[in-house]
Amino acid sequence: MKQKGVLAVVSGFSGAGKGTVLKGLLDKYDNYAFSISATTRDPRPGEENGREYFFVKEDRFEEMIRKDQLIEYARYVNHYYGTPRDYVETRLAEGTDVILEIEIQGALNVKKKYPDAILIFVLPPTAKELERRLTGRGTETAEVIRQRLSRAYEEADGMEMYDYILVNDSVDLCVEELHRLIQSQHLRTKSRMELVSKMKDELKELVENM
């Protein structure tokens, strides 16, 4: 029987660099599937529909909610974000490790539906560095940056509910830590019950034939 894939939920403050870390992970390793979220926000420069996000109108998103086509969804800075269900469940069943990049509210909702999922929070080394990274994007107004820092302050209360914390000081190091962390989940006892059962049967046969 093929071992089921690991569902890893990665969150972090806007500007913490989680997207860069995940891109590095997917570029280096081919055993991951990245679940693309649907959102009602407009694309940023360089973003494409179906690559970074599925960009949909608000009425379409609300239809997806009504039809239970989303694992989770949340509203963040005046826009909806959500995770399509079919893609995630199909890839997990195939044995592929699936990564979701979502915010705290959505991550906790996923954990309720999928208790074996692991929640990972990516932090910048300091709050000042977070401000520098947000400003350095050059794509958002001072008011939006202020909103994102304010939201980060609110989100800080939710970090304790995550299974793991990764500090993104060096992208390469953070990529390796994330990879090792996800792969280690395949060694959990409840993920290896078939192997446990096989070993017990083999030992029983050996003992009985002594």
N, C-alpha and C. Protein backbone atom coordinates (compact mmCIF):
# COMPACT_ATOMS: atom_id res chain seq x y z
N MET A 1 0.85 -1.20 0.00
CA MET A 1 0.00 0.00 0.00
C MET A 1 0.88 1.25 0.00
N LYS A 2 0.60 2.17 -0.90
CA LYS A 2 1.39 3.39 -1.01
C LYS A 2 1.15 4.28 0.21
N GLN A 3 2.26 4.80 0.76
CA GLN A 3 2.14 5.69 1.91
C GLN A 3 1.52 7.02 1.48
N LYS A 4 0.58 7.49 2.26
CA LYS A 4 -0.08 8.75 1.96
C LYS A 4 0.88 9.91 2.09
N GLY A 5 0.68 10.93 1.28
CA GLY A 5 1.54 12.10 1.34
C GLY A 5 1.32 12.91 2.61
N VAL A 6 2.29 13.76 2.91
CA VAL A 6 2.22 14.67 4.06
C VAL A 6 1.59 15.99 3.61
N LEU A 7 0.67 16.49 4.41
CA LEU A 7 0.08 17.80 4.16
C LEU A 7 0.78 18.82 5.06
N ALA A 8 1.54 19.73 4.46
CA ALA A 8 2.29 20.74 5.21
C ALA A 8 1.70 22.11 4.93
N VAL A 9 1.32 22.81 5.99
CA VAL A 9 0.74 24.14 5.87
C VAL A 9 1.78 25.16 6.31
N VAL A 10 2.16 26.04 5.39
CA VAL A 10 3.20 27.03 5.68
C VAL A 10 2.57 28.42 5.73
N SER A 11 2.80 29.11 6.84
CA SER A 11 2.29 30.47 7.03
C SER A 11 3.44 31.38 7.43
N GLY A 12 3.15 32.65 7.48
CA GLY A 12 4.15 33.61 7.92
C GLY A 12 3.65 35.01 7.65
N PHE A 13 4.24 35.98 8.32
CA PHE A 13 3.86 37.36 8.08
C PHE A 13 4.10 37.72 6.62
N SER A 14 3.27 38.56 6.08
CA SER A 14 3.51 39.10 4.74
C SER A 14 4.86 39.83 4.76
N GLY A 15 5.77 39.40 3.89
CA GLY A 15 7.10 39.97 3.87
C GLY A 15 8.15 39.13 4.56
N ALA A 16 7.75 38.01 5.17
CA ALA A 16 8.71 37.14 5.86
C ALA A 16 9.56 36.34 4.88
N GLY A 17 9.13 36.28 3.62
CA GLY A 17 9.90 35.55 2.62
C GLY A 17 9.49 34.10 2.44
N LYS A 18 8.30 33.74 2.94
CA LYS A 18 7.87 32.34 2.83
C LYS A 18 7.71 31.92 1.38
N GLY A 19 7.24 32.84 0.53
CA GLY A 19 7.08 32.52 -0.89
C GLY A 19 8.42 32.21 -1.54
N THR A 20 9.45 32.96 -1.20
CA THR A 20 10.79 32.72 -1.72
C THR A 20 11.34 31.38 -1.25
N VAL A 21 11.09 31.06 0.01
CA VAL A 21 11.53 29.77 0.56
C VAL A 21 10.83 28.62 -0.15
N LEU A 22 9.54 28.75 -0.34
CA LEU A 22 8.79 27.67 -0.99
C LEU A 22 9.22 27.51 -2.44
N LYS A 23 9.49 28.60 -3.13
CA LYS A 23 9.99 28.51 -4.51
C LYS A 23 11.32 27.77 -4.53
N GLY A 24 12.18 28.08 -3.57
CA GLY A 24 13.47 27.39 -3.48
C GLY A 24 13.30 25.90 -3.23
N LEU A 25 12.34 25.55 -2.40
CA LEU A 25 12.06 24.13 -2.10
C LEU A 25 11.58 23.40 -3.34
N LEU A 26 10.63 23.99 -4.05
CA LEU A 26 10.05 23.36 -5.24
C LEU A 26 11.05 23.29 -6.39
N ASP A 27 11.93 24.27 -6.48
CA ASP A 27 12.95 24.25 -7.53
C ASP A 27 13.99 23.16 -7.28
N LYS A 28 14.28 22.89 -6.01
CA LYS A 28 15.35 21.95 -5.67
C LYS A 28 14.87 20.51 -5.58
N TYR A 29 13.63 20.31 -5.14
CA TYR A 29 13.11 18.95 -4.93
C TYR A 29 11.85 18.75 -5.77
N ASP A 30 11.73 17.54 -6.33
CA ASP A 30 10.60 17.28 -7.22
C ASP A 30 9.51 16.41 -6.60
N ASN A 31 9.59 16.18 -5.28
CA ASN A 31 8.61 15.30 -4.64
C ASN A 31 7.52 16.09 -3.91
N TYR A 32 7.34 17.37 -4.28
CA TYR A 32 6.31 18.18 -3.64
C TYR A 32 5.30 18.68 -4.67
N ALA A 33 4.07 18.84 -4.21
CA ALA A 33 3.04 19.50 -5.01
C ALA A 33 2.61 20.75 -4.25
N PHE A 34 2.62 21.87 -4.92
CA PHE A 34 2.22 23.12 -4.30
C PHE A 34 0.77 23.41 -4.66
N SER A 35 -0.06 23.50 -3.65
CA SER A 35 -1.48 23.77 -3.89
C SER A 35 -1.68 25.27 -4.12
N ILE A 36 -2.16 25.61 -5.28
CA ILE A 36 -2.39 27.02 -5.61
C ILE A 36 -3.71 27.47 -5.02
N SER A 37 -3.68 28.56 -4.30
CA SER A 37 -4.89 29.09 -3.69
C SER A 37 -5.68 29.94 -4.67
N ALA A 38 -6.97 30.04 -4.41
CA ALA A 38 -7.83 30.98 -5.14
C ALA A 38 -7.91 32.27 -4.32
N THR A 39 -7.96 33.40 -5.00
CA THR A 39 -8.06 34.69 -4.30
C THR A 39 -8.86 35.68 -5.13
N THR A 40 -9.45 36.63 -4.43
CA THR A 40 -10.19 37.69 -5.12
C THR A 40 -9.36 38.96 -5.28
N ARG A 41 -8.11 38.96 -4.80
CA ARG A 41 -7.29 40.17 -4.99
C ARG A 41 -6.77 40.23 -6.42
N ASP A 42 -6.35 41.42 -6.82
CA ASP A 42 -5.80 41.60 -8.16
C ASP A 42 -4.37 41.05 -8.22
N PRO A 43 -3.94 40.58 -9.39
CA PRO A 43 -2.55 40.11 -9.54
C PRO A 43 -1.55 41.24 -9.31
N ARG A 44 -0.43 40.91 -8.68
CA ARG A 44 0.68 41.86 -8.59
C ARG A 44 1.49 41.77 -9.89
N PRO A 45 2.32 42.76 -10.15
CA PRO A 45 3.15 42.72 -11.37
C PRO A 45 3.94 41.43 -11.46
N GLY A 46 3.85 40.76 -12.61
CA GLY A 46 4.59 39.52 -12.82
C GLY A 46 3.83 38.26 -12.45
N GLU A 47 2.72 38.38 -11.73
CA GLU A 47 1.95 37.20 -11.34
C GLU A 47 1.03 36.77 -12.49
N GLU A 48 0.81 35.46 -12.58
CA GLU A 48 -0.05 34.91 -13.63
C GLU A 48 -1.14 34.05 -13.01
N ASN A 49 -2.33 34.10 -13.61
CA ASN A 49 -3.44 33.25 -13.15
C ASN A 49 -3.06 31.78 -13.34
N GLY A 50 -3.25 30.99 -12.27
CA GLY A 50 -2.94 29.58 -12.34
C GLY A 50 -1.51 29.24 -11.98
N ARG A 51 -0.69 30.26 -11.75
CA ARG A 51 0.70 30.02 -11.32
C ARG A 51 0.86 30.41 -9.85
N GLU A 52 0.77 31.71 -9.54
CA GLU A 52 0.83 32.13 -8.13
C GLU A 52 -0.51 31.88 -7.43
N TYR A 53 -1.60 32.24 -8.10
CA TYR A 53 -2.96 32.09 -7.56
C TYR A 53 -3.93 31.85 -8.72
N PHE A 54 -5.10 31.37 -8.36
CA PHE A 54 -6.24 31.44 -9.27
C PHE A 54 -6.96 32.74 -8.92
N PHE A 55 -6.93 33.71 -9.80
CA PHE A 55 -7.55 35.01 -9.54
C PHE A 55 -9.01 34.95 -10.02
N VAL A 56 -9.93 35.07 -9.07
CA VAL A 56 -11.36 34.94 -9.40
C VAL A 56 -12.13 36.13 -8.85
N LYS A 57 -13.30 36.36 -9.42
CA LYS A 57 -14.18 37.41 -8.93
C LYS A 57 -14.84 36.97 -7.63
N GLU A 58 -15.30 37.94 -6.86
CA GLU A 58 -15.86 37.63 -5.56
C GLU A 58 -17.10 36.75 -5.65
N ASP A 59 -17.96 36.94 -6.65
CA ASP A 59 -19.15 36.12 -6.76
C ASP A 59 -18.79 34.66 -7.07
N ARG A 60 -17.73 34.45 -7.87
CA ARG A 60 -17.27 33.08 -8.16
C ARG A 60 -16.71 32.42 -6.91
N PHE A 61 -15.96 33.17 -6.13
CA PHE A 61 -15.40 32.62 -4.89
C PHE A 61 -16.51 32.21 -3.94
N GLU A 62 -17.51 33.04 -3.81
CA GLU A 62 -18.62 32.73 -2.90
C GLU A 62 -19.42 31.53 -3.39
N GLU A 63 -19.45 31.31 -4.70
CA GLU A 63 -20.08 30.11 -5.24
C GLU A 63 -19.28 28.86 -4.83
N MET A 64 -17.96 28.96 -4.86
CA MET A 64 -17.10 27.86 -4.43
C MET A 64 -17.32 27.54 -2.95
N ILE A 65 -17.54 28.56 -2.15
CA ILE A 65 -17.84 28.34 -0.73
C ILE A 65 -19.14 27.56 -0.58
N ARG A 66 -20.17 28.00 -1.29
CA ARG A 66 -21.49 27.35 -1.19
C ARG A 66 -21.45 25.89 -1.63
N LYS A 67 -20.61 25.59 -2.61
CA LYS A 67 -20.54 24.23 -3.15
C LYS A 67 -19.52 23.35 -2.42
N ASP A 68 -18.95 23.85 -1.32
CA ASP A 68 -17.98 23.11 -0.50
C ASP A 68 -16.79 22.65 -1.34
N GLN A 69 -16.32 23.52 -2.21
CA GLN A 69 -15.19 23.18 -3.08
C GLN A 69 -13.86 23.66 -2.51
N LEU A 70 -13.89 24.17 -1.28
CA LEU A 70 -12.68 24.69 -0.66
C LEU A 70 -12.40 23.96 0.65
N ILE A 71 -11.14 23.61 0.90
CA ILE A 71 -10.75 23.03 2.19
C ILE A 71 -10.89 24.07 3.29
N GLU A 72 -10.49 25.28 2.96
CA GLU A 72 -10.57 26.40 3.92
C GLU A 72 -10.63 27.68 3.11
N TYR A 73 -11.09 28.71 3.78
CA TYR A 73 -11.04 30.04 3.17
C TYR A 73 -11.06 31.07 4.28
N ALA A 74 -10.57 32.25 3.95
CA ALA A 74 -10.54 33.33 4.94
C ALA A 74 -10.51 34.66 4.19
N ARG A 75 -10.81 35.71 4.92
CA ARG A 75 -10.75 37.06 4.35
C ARG A 75 -9.57 37.78 4.98
N TYR A 76 -8.72 38.35 4.14
CA TYR A 76 -7.49 38.99 4.60
C TYR A 76 -7.27 40.27 3.82
N VAL A 77 -7.16 41.40 4.54
CA VAL A 77 -6.98 42.73 3.93
C VAL A 77 -7.97 42.92 2.77
N ASN A 78 -9.25 42.70 3.08
CA ASN A 78 -10.37 42.98 2.17
C ASN A 78 -10.51 42.02 0.98
N HIS A 79 -9.81 40.88 1.03
CA HIS A 79 -9.94 39.92 -0.07
C HIS A 79 -10.07 38.50 0.47
N TYR A 80 -10.77 37.64 -0.30
CA TYR A 80 -10.88 36.23 0.04
C TYR A 80 -9.63 35.47 -0.44
N TYR A 81 -9.24 34.45 0.34
CA TYR A 81 -8.23 33.48 -0.06
C TYR A 81 -8.76 32.11 0.34
N GLY A 82 -8.55 31.09 -0.52
CA GLY A 82 -9.05 29.76 -0.17
C GLY A 82 -8.31 28.66 -0.91
N THR A 83 -8.41 27.44 -0.41
CA THR A 83 -7.70 26.28 -0.96
C THR A 83 -8.66 25.31 -1.63
N PRO A 84 -8.56 25.12 -2.95
CA PRO A 84 -9.41 24.14 -3.63
C PRO A 84 -9.19 22.72 -3.10
N ARG A 85 -10.29 21.99 -2.88
CA ARG A 85 -10.24 20.69 -2.22
C ARG A 85 -9.72 19.55 -3.11
N ASP A 86 -10.23 19.43 -4.33
CA ASP A 86 -9.97 18.23 -5.15
C ASP A 86 -8.48 17.99 -5.39
N TYR A 87 -7.76 19.03 -5.74
CA TYR A 87 -6.34 18.88 -6.06
C TYR A 87 -5.57 18.33 -4.86
N VAL A 88 -5.82 18.89 -3.69
CA VAL A 88 -5.08 18.49 -2.49
C VAL A 88 -5.33 17.02 -2.15
N GLU A 89 -6.58 16.62 -2.11
CA GLU A 89 -6.90 15.26 -1.69
C GLU A 89 -6.42 14.22 -2.71
N THR A 90 -6.46 14.56 -3.98
CA THR A 90 -5.98 13.63 -5.01
C THR A 90 -4.47 13.41 -4.89
N ARG A 91 -3.70 14.47 -4.72
CA ARG A 91 -2.25 14.33 -4.64
C ARG A 91 -1.82 13.62 -3.36
N LEU A 92 -2.48 13.89 -2.24
CA LEU A 92 -2.15 13.18 -1.01
C LEU A 92 -2.37 11.68 -1.16
N ALA A 93 -3.48 11.31 -1.79
CA ALA A 93 -3.79 9.89 -2.00
C ALA A 93 -2.76 9.22 -2.90
N GLU A 94 -2.14 9.98 -3.80
CA GLU A 94 -1.11 9.46 -4.69
C GLU A 94 0.23 9.29 -3.98
N GLY A 95 0.33 9.80 -2.75
CA GLY A 95 1.58 9.70 -2.01
C GLY A 95 2.48 10.91 -2.14
N THR A 96 1.97 11.98 -2.76
CA THR A 96 2.75 13.20 -2.94
C THR A 96 2.60 14.11 -1.72
N ASP A 97 3.68 14.72 -1.29
CA ASP A 97 3.63 15.69 -0.19
C ASP A 97 3.09 17.01 -0.74
N VAL A 98 2.05 17.52 -0.11
CA VAL A 98 1.38 18.73 -0.59
C VAL A 98 1.64 19.89 0.36
N ILE A 99 1.99 21.03 -0.21
CA ILE A 99 2.26 22.23 0.58
C ILE A 99 1.18 23.27 0.32
N LEU A 100 0.64 23.80 1.41
CA LEU A 100 -0.31 24.91 1.33
C LEU A 100 0.37 26.14 1.91
N GLU A 101 0.27 27.26 1.22
CA GLU A 101 0.76 28.53 1.75
C GLU A 101 -0.45 29.39 2.07
N ILE A 102 -0.83 29.42 3.33
CA ILE A 102 -2.03 30.16 3.74
C ILE A 102 -1.80 30.85 5.07
N GLU A 103 -2.73 31.76 5.41
CA GLU A 103 -2.56 32.52 6.65
C GLU A 103 -3.11 31.74 7.84
N ILE A 104 -2.98 32.32 9.03
CA ILE A 104 -3.22 31.59 10.27
C ILE A 104 -4.64 31.04 10.38
N GLN A 105 -5.63 31.87 10.12
CA GLN A 105 -7.01 31.43 10.27
C GLN A 105 -7.28 30.20 9.41
N GLY A 106 -6.82 30.24 8.16
CA GLY A 106 -7.01 29.11 7.26
C GLY A 106 -6.23 27.89 7.70
N ALA A 107 -5.00 28.10 8.20
CA ALA A 107 -4.17 26.99 8.66
C ALA A 107 -4.84 26.23 9.80
N LEU A 108 -5.42 26.96 10.73
CA LEU A 108 -6.08 26.30 11.87
C LEU A 108 -7.32 25.56 11.43
N ASN A 109 -8.00 26.07 10.41
CA ASN A 109 -9.17 25.36 9.86
C ASN A 109 -8.75 24.06 9.18
N VAL A 110 -7.62 24.09 8.47
CA VAL A 110 -7.09 22.88 7.85
C VAL A 110 -6.76 21.84 8.91
N LYS A 111 -6.15 22.28 10.00
CA LYS A 111 -5.75 21.35 11.07
C LYS A 111 -6.97 20.65 11.67
N LYS A 112 -8.09 21.36 11.74
CA LYS A 112 -9.32 20.74 12.26
C LYS A 112 -9.81 19.62 11.34
N LYS A 113 -9.71 19.85 10.04
CA LYS A 113 -10.19 18.85 9.06
C LYS A 113 -9.17 17.75 8.80
N TYR A 114 -7.89 18.10 8.92
CA TYR A 114 -6.81 17.15 8.64
C TYR A 114 -5.84 17.16 9.83
N PRO A 115 -6.15 16.42 10.89
CA PRO A 115 -5.33 16.47 12.12
C PRO A 115 -3.87 16.06 11.92
N ASP A 116 -3.59 15.27 10.88
CA ASP A 116 -2.20 14.85 10.64
C ASP A 116 -1.38 15.92 9.92
N ALA A 117 -2.02 16.98 9.46
CA ALA A 117 -1.29 18.05 8.79
C ALA A 117 -0.31 18.70 9.77
N ILE A 118 0.82 19.17 9.26
CA ILE A 118 1.77 19.89 10.12
C ILE A 118 1.72 21.37 9.76
N LEU A 119 1.73 22.20 10.79
CA LEU A 119 1.67 23.65 10.63
C LEU A 119 3.05 24.25 10.88
N ILE A 120 3.56 25.01 9.91
CA ILE A 120 4.90 25.58 9.99
C ILE A 120 4.80 27.09 9.79
N PHE A 121 5.37 27.85 10.71
CA PHE A 121 5.32 29.31 10.63
C PHE A 121 6.71 29.85 10.33
N VAL A 122 6.81 30.66 9.27
CA VAL A 122 8.09 31.24 8.85
C VAL A 122 8.19 32.68 9.37
N LEU A 123 9.27 32.95 10.08
CA LEU A 123 9.50 34.28 10.67
C LEU A 123 10.71 34.95 10.03
N PRO A 124 10.70 36.29 9.96
CA PRO A 124 11.95 37.01 9.65
C PRO A 124 12.78 37.04 10.93
N PRO A 125 14.08 37.34 10.83
CA PRO A 125 14.91 37.37 12.05
C PRO A 125 14.49 38.44 13.05
N THR A 126 13.98 39.58 12.56
CA THR A 126 13.54 40.67 13.44
C THR A 126 12.34 41.38 12.82
N ALA A 127 11.62 42.14 13.64
CA ALA A 127 10.50 42.92 13.14
C ALA A 127 10.99 44.05 12.22
N LYS A 128 12.15 44.61 12.53
CA LYS A 128 12.71 45.67 11.69
C LYS A 128 13.03 45.14 10.29
N GLU A 129 13.53 43.89 10.24
CA GLU A 129 13.81 43.28 8.94
C GLU A 129 12.53 43.04 8.16
N LEU A 130 11.45 42.71 8.87
CA LEU A 130 10.16 42.55 8.21
C LEU A 130 9.73 43.86 7.54
N GLU A 131 9.86 44.96 8.26
CA GLU A 131 9.51 46.26 7.69
C GLU A 131 10.38 46.57 6.47
N ARG A 132 11.67 46.25 6.55
CA ARG A 132 12.58 46.51 5.44
C ARG A 132 12.18 45.70 4.20
N ARG A 133 11.80 44.45 4.41
CA ARG A 133 11.42 43.61 3.27
C ARG A 133 10.12 44.09 2.63
N LEU A 134 9.17 44.50 3.44
CA LEU A 134 7.91 45.02 2.90
C LEU A 134 8.15 46.29 2.08
N THR A 135 8.96 47.17 2.62
CA THR A 135 9.25 48.43 1.93
C THR A 135 10.03 48.17 0.65
N GLY A 136 10.93 47.19 0.71
CA GLY A 136 11.79 46.88 -0.43
C GLY A 136 11.06 46.31 -1.62
N ARG A 137 9.86 45.79 -1.42
CA ARG A 137 9.09 45.28 -2.55
C ARG A 137 8.81 46.37 -3.59
N GLY A 138 8.50 47.57 -3.08
CA GLY A 138 8.21 48.68 -3.96
C GLY A 138 6.90 48.55 -4.72
N THR A 139 6.03 47.66 -4.26
CA THR A 139 4.76 47.42 -4.97
C THR A 139 3.54 47.90 -4.19
N GLU A 140 3.75 48.35 -2.95
CA GLU A 140 2.61 48.69 -2.11
C GLU A 140 2.78 50.08 -1.49
N THR A 141 1.66 50.71 -1.21
CA THR A 141 1.68 52.05 -0.62
C THR A 141 2.07 51.97 0.85
N ALA A 142 2.44 53.11 1.40
CA ALA A 142 2.79 53.17 2.82
C ALA A 142 1.62 52.72 3.69
N GLU A 143 0.39 53.03 3.26
CA GLU A 143 -0.79 52.63 4.03
C GLU A 143 -0.96 51.11 4.03
N VAL A 144 -0.74 50.48 2.89
CA VAL A 144 -0.84 49.01 2.83
C VAL A 144 0.25 48.36 3.67
N ILE A 145 1.45 48.92 3.63
CA ILE A 145 2.54 48.40 4.47
C ILE A 145 2.17 48.51 5.95
N ARG A 146 1.60 49.66 6.31
CA ARG A 146 1.16 49.84 7.69
C ARG A 146 0.12 48.79 8.06
N GLN A 147 -0.82 48.51 7.16
CA GLN A 147 -1.84 47.49 7.41
C GLN A 147 -1.21 46.12 7.60
N ARG A 148 -0.21 45.80 6.78
CA ARG A 148 0.42 44.49 6.86
C ARG A 148 1.22 44.33 8.16
N LEU A 149 1.88 45.39 8.60
CA LEU A 149 2.60 45.32 9.87
C LEU A 149 1.62 45.20 11.04
N SER A 150 0.50 45.92 10.93
CA SER A 150 -0.53 45.83 11.97
C SER A 150 -1.10 44.42 12.02
N ARG A 151 -1.32 43.83 10.84
CA ARG A 151 -1.83 42.47 10.78
C ARG A 151 -0.81 41.48 11.36
N ALA A 152 0.47 41.71 11.09
CA ALA A 152 1.52 40.85 11.64
C ALA A 152 1.49 40.88 13.17
N TYR A 153 1.28 42.07 13.71
CA TYR A 153 1.19 42.21 15.17
C TYR A 153 0.04 41.37 15.72
N GLU A 154 -1.10 41.38 15.01
CA GLU A 154 -2.25 40.58 15.43
C GLU A 154 -1.96 39.09 15.28
N GLU A 155 -1.32 38.73 14.16
CA GLU A 155 -1.06 37.32 13.88
C GLU A 155 -0.04 36.71 14.86
N ALA A 156 0.79 37.55 15.45
CA ALA A 156 1.83 37.04 16.36
C ALA A 156 1.22 36.22 17.50
N ASP A 157 -0.01 36.53 17.87
CA ASP A 157 -0.66 35.77 18.94
C ASP A 157 -0.97 34.34 18.52
N GLY A 158 -1.00 34.06 17.21
CA GLY A 158 -1.35 32.72 16.75
C GLY A 158 -0.17 31.80 16.54
N MET A 159 1.05 32.32 16.66
CA MET A 159 2.23 31.50 16.37
C MET A 159 2.36 30.30 17.28
N GLU A 160 1.90 30.44 18.53
CA GLU A 160 2.03 29.34 19.49
C GLU A 160 1.23 28.11 19.09
N MET A 161 0.25 28.27 18.20
CA MET A 161 -0.59 27.15 17.80
C MET A 161 0.01 26.34 16.66
N TYR A 162 1.18 26.76 16.17
CA TYR A 162 1.86 26.04 15.09
C TYR A 162 2.75 24.94 15.66
N ASP A 163 3.00 23.93 14.83
CA ASP A 163 3.85 22.81 15.26
C ASP A 163 5.32 23.17 15.23
N TYR A 164 5.71 24.00 14.26
CA TYR A 164 7.12 24.34 14.08
C TYR A 164 7.27 25.80 13.69
N ILE A 165 8.41 26.40 14.10
CA ILE A 165 8.77 27.76 13.73
C ILE A 165 10.11 27.72 12.99
N LEU A 166 10.15 28.32 11.79
CA LEU A 166 11.39 28.44 11.04
C LEU A 166 11.74 29.91 10.88
N VAL A 167 12.99 30.26 11.13
CA VAL A 167 13.44 31.65 10.95
C VAL A 167 14.12 31.75 9.59
N ASN A 168 13.60 32.63 8.76
CA ASN A 168 14.14 32.82 7.41
C ASN A 168 15.17 33.95 7.43
N ASP A 169 16.37 33.60 7.87
CA ASP A 169 17.48 34.53 7.84
C ASP A 169 18.30 34.27 6.58
N SER A 170 18.56 32.99 6.32
CA SER A 170 19.20 32.55 5.08
C SER A 170 18.20 31.69 4.32
N VAL A 171 17.87 32.07 3.08
CA VAL A 171 16.87 31.34 2.31
C VAL A 171 17.31 29.89 2.10
N ASP A 172 18.56 29.67 1.71
CA ASP A 172 19.05 28.31 1.43
C ASP A 172 18.94 27.43 2.66
N LEU A 173 19.32 27.96 3.81
CA LEU A 173 19.25 27.18 5.05
C LEU A 173 17.80 26.89 5.41
N CYS A 174 16.94 27.87 5.23
CA CYS A 174 15.52 27.69 5.56
C CYS A 174 14.89 26.64 4.65
N VAL A 175 15.28 26.62 3.38
CA VAL A 175 14.78 25.61 2.44
C VAL A 175 15.14 24.21 2.93
N GLU A 176 16.39 24.03 3.35
CA GLU A 176 16.83 22.71 3.81
C GLU A 176 16.13 22.29 5.10
N GLU A 177 15.95 23.24 6.00
CA GLU A 177 15.26 22.92 7.25
C GLU A 177 13.81 22.52 6.98
N LEU A 178 13.16 23.22 6.06
CA LEU A 178 11.78 22.90 5.72
C LEU A 178 11.69 21.51 5.08
N HIS A 179 12.60 21.20 4.17
CA HIS A 179 12.62 19.89 3.52
C HIS A 179 12.79 18.78 4.54
N ARG A 180 13.77 18.90 5.41
CA ARG A 180 14.02 17.87 6.42
C ARG A 180 12.81 17.70 7.34
N LEU A 181 12.21 18.80 7.68
CA LEU A 181 11.07 18.78 8.58
C LEU A 181 9.90 18.00 7.98
N ILE A 182 9.58 18.28 6.72
CA ILE A 182 8.46 17.60 6.08
C ILE A 182 8.76 16.12 5.89
N GLN A 183 9.98 15.82 5.44
CA GLN A 183 10.32 14.41 5.20
C GLN A 183 10.33 13.59 6.48
N SER A 184 10.66 14.23 7.60
CA SER A 184 10.68 13.50 8.87
C SER A 184 9.31 13.00 9.27
N GLN A 185 8.26 13.62 8.74
CA GLN A 185 6.90 13.22 9.10
C GLN A 185 6.58 11.82 8.58
N HIS A 186 7.27 11.39 7.53
CA HIS A 186 7.05 10.04 7.01
C HIS A 186 7.53 8.96 7.98
N LEU A 187 8.33 9.36 8.95
CA LEU A 187 8.88 8.40 9.91
C LEU A 187 8.03 8.30 11.17
N ARG A 188 6.98 9.11 11.27
CA ARG A 188 6.12 9.03 12.45
C ARG A 188 5.47 7.65 12.53
N THR A 189 5.30 7.17 13.73
CA THR A 189 4.76 5.83 13.93
C THR A 189 3.43 5.64 13.22
N LYS A 190 2.51 6.60 13.35
CA LYS A 190 1.19 6.41 12.75
C LYS A 190 1.23 6.47 11.23
N SER A 191 2.35 6.96 10.68
CA SER A 191 2.50 6.96 9.23
C SER A 191 3.11 5.65 8.73
N ARG A 192 3.57 4.83 9.68
CA ARG A 192 4.27 3.60 9.30
C ARG A 192 3.64 2.36 9.93
N MET A 193 2.33 2.40 10.13
CA MET A 193 1.66 1.29 10.80
C MET A 193 1.73 -0.01 10.00
N GLU A 194 1.79 0.09 8.67
CA GLU A 194 1.92 -1.11 7.85
C GLU A 194 3.25 -1.80 8.14
N LEU A 195 4.32 -1.01 8.26
CA LEU A 195 5.63 -1.56 8.58
C LEU A 195 5.64 -2.15 9.98
N VAL A 196 5.01 -1.47 10.93
CA VAL A 196 4.93 -1.96 12.31
C VAL A 196 4.22 -3.31 12.35
N SER A 197 3.09 -3.40 11.66
CA SER A 197 2.32 -4.64 11.64
C SER A 197 3.12 -5.78 11.00
N LYS A 198 3.82 -5.48 9.91
CA LYS A 198 4.62 -6.49 9.22
C LYS A 198 5.73 -7.02 10.13
N MET A 199 6.40 -6.13 10.85
CA MET A 199 7.47 -6.54 11.75
C MET A 199 6.94 -7.42 12.88
N LYS A 200 5.79 -7.07 13.44
CA LYS A 200 5.20 -7.87 14.52
C LYS A 200 4.86 -9.27 14.02
N ASP A 201 4.30 -9.35 12.81
CA ASP A 201 3.96 -10.67 12.25
C ASP A 201 5.21 -11.51 12.02
N GLU A 202 6.27 -10.88 11.51
CA GLU A 202 7.51 -11.62 11.25
C GLU A 202 8.13 -12.12 12.55
N LEU A 203 8.11 -11.27 13.59
CA LEU A 203 8.66 -11.69 14.88
C LEU A 203 7.86 -12.83 15.48
N LYS A 204 6.53 -12.74 15.35
CA LYS A 204 5.67 -13.79 15.87
C LYS A 204 6.00 -15.13 15.20
N GLU A 205 6.18 -15.09 13.87
CA GLU A 205 6.49 -16.32 13.14
C GLU A 205 7.83 -16.89 13.56
N LEU A 206 8.82 -16.01 13.77
CA LEU A 206 10.13 -16.48 14.21
C LEU A 206 10.05 -17.15 15.57
N VAL A 207 9.35 -16.50 16.50
CA VAL A 207 9.25 -17.03 17.87
C VAL A 207 8.53 -18.37 17.88
N GLU A 208 7.45 -18.47 17.11
CA GLU A 208 6.66 -19.72 17.09
C GLU A 208 7.42 -20.88 16.47
N ASN A 209 8.39 -20.57 15.61
CA ASN A 209 9.14 -21.62 14.93
C ASN A 209 10.46 -21.96 15.61
N MET A 210 10.72 -21.36 16.76
CA MET A 210 11.96 -21.63 17.49
C MET A 210 11.88 -22.97 18.22
